[in-house]
Amino acid sequence: MRVAAISDSARPGLAKGVRLQIDSTSGKSVLLYPEGIVELNETAHEILSRCDGRTLGEIVCELAEEYEADSNALASDVRDMLSDLQRRKLVKLI
């Protein structure tokens, strides 16, 4: 199933029952959901920690500024990650 491209005005958020937290044993960032756990890298954590009502465009702009990265390349990477998590029903778009 192909997910449509995510627009800059989309407001990504965690799906119902999904939590972003730090694993107390490993100290790594994880997504917890009823069926399991997903270990996140630092980049994924930075993106998901901003999925709190901000638009995709705002998230990309903040990350590009903070990490002095090319916003076009960054936008593509953020969209890819969020699309993957949306397919897995861990992220919703408003």
Protein backbone atom coordinates (compact mmCIF):
# COMPACT_ATOMS: atom_id res chain seq x y z
CA MET A 1 0.00 0.00 0.00
CA ARG A 2 1.47 3.35 -1.05
CA VAL A 3 1.03 6.35 1.24
CA ALA A 4 0.48 9.73 -0.43
CA ALA A 5 3.22 12.33 -0.14
CA ILE A 6 3.03 14.33 3.06
CA SER A 7 2.39 18.04 2.54
CA ASP A 8 4.23 20.83 4.36
CA SER A 9 0.98 21.79 6.11
CA ALA A 10 0.39 18.30 7.56
CA ARG A 11 0.61 18.05 11.33
CA PRO A 12 2.17 14.69 12.20
CA GLY A 13 1.55 13.17 15.59
CA LEU A 14 1.88 9.86 17.34
CA ALA A 15 -1.00 7.45 16.77
CA LYS A 16 -3.31 6.51 19.62
CA GLY A 17 -1.56 4.22 22.07
CA VAL A 18 1.96 5.14 20.88
CA ARG A 19 4.42 6.83 23.23
CA LEU A 20 7.86 8.34 22.67
CA GLN A 21 10.15 7.76 25.62
CA ILE A 22 13.64 6.85 26.78
CA ASP A 23 14.09 3.16 27.63
CA SER A 24 15.10 2.98 31.28
CA THR A 25 17.37 -0.03 30.72
CA SER A 26 19.26 0.96 27.57
CA GLY A 27 18.87 4.75 27.73
CA LYS A 28 17.84 4.73 24.07
CA SER A 29 14.89 6.56 22.58
CA VAL A 30 11.99 4.25 21.70
CA LEU A 31 8.44 4.25 20.43
CA LEU A 32 6.23 2.07 22.60
CA TYR A 33 2.98 0.71 21.23
CA PRO A 34 0.66 -2.09 22.35
CA GLU A 35 2.21 -4.70 20.04
CA GLY A 36 5.83 -3.82 20.65
CA ILE A 37 8.68 -1.37 20.68
CA VAL A 38 10.73 0.44 18.03
CA GLU A 39 14.23 1.64 18.87
CA LEU A 40 14.91 5.06 17.35
CA ASN A 41 18.10 6.68 16.19
CA GLU A 42 18.89 10.25 17.24
CA THR A 43 17.48 11.71 14.02
CA ALA A 44 14.14 9.93 14.37
CA HIS A 45 13.91 11.06 17.99
CA GLU A 46 14.56 14.70 17.00
CA ILE A 47 11.81 14.53 14.38
CA LEU A 48 9.23 12.74 16.54
CA SER A 49 9.84 14.96 19.56
CA ARG A 50 8.62 17.87 17.39
CA CYS A 51 5.41 16.10 16.29
CA ASP A 52 3.36 18.02 18.83
CA GLY A 53 1.06 20.07 16.63
CA ARG A 54 3.74 21.72 14.50
CA THR A 55 3.43 21.41 10.73
CA LEU A 56 5.87 19.35 8.71
CA GLY A 57 7.19 22.60 7.23
CA GLU A 58 7.86 24.01 10.71
CA ILE A 59 9.59 20.81 11.81
CA VAL A 60 11.85 20.78 8.75
CA CYS A 61 12.65 24.49 9.12
CA GLU A 62 13.60 24.06 12.81
CA LEU A 63 15.78 21.02 12.11
CA ALA A 64 17.49 22.67 9.12
CA GLU A 65 18.31 25.71 11.23
CA GLU A 66 19.45 23.73 14.27
CA TYR A 67 21.69 21.36 12.30
CA GLU A 68 22.65 23.78 9.50
CA ALA A 69 21.35 21.30 6.91
CA ASP A 70 19.86 21.70 3.44
CA SER A 71 16.12 21.99 4.02
CA ASN A 72 15.17 20.29 0.72
CA ALA A 73 17.22 17.17 1.45
CA LEU A 74 16.07 17.21 5.05
CA ALA A 75 12.40 17.50 4.03
CA SER A 76 12.75 14.41 1.86
CA ASP A 77 14.30 12.40 4.71
CA VAL A 78 11.67 13.55 7.21
CA ARG A 79 8.85 12.65 4.79
CA ASP A 80 10.37 9.20 4.18
CA MET A 81 10.65 8.47 7.91
CA LEU A 82 7.14 9.71 8.70
CA SER A 83 5.69 7.79 5.73
CA ASP A 84 7.30 4.60 6.99
CA LEU A 85 5.89 5.12 10.48
CA GLN A 86 2.49 6.04 9.01
CA ARG A 87 2.44 2.75 7.05
CA ARG A 88 3.18 0.96 10.32
CA LYS A 89 0.29 2.88 11.95
CA LEU A 90 2.58 4.52 14.51
CA VAL A 91 2.11 8.07 13.23
CA LYS A 92 -1.03 9.91 12.14
CA LEU A 93 -1.34 13.04 10.03
CA ILE A 94 -3.81 15.80 10.75
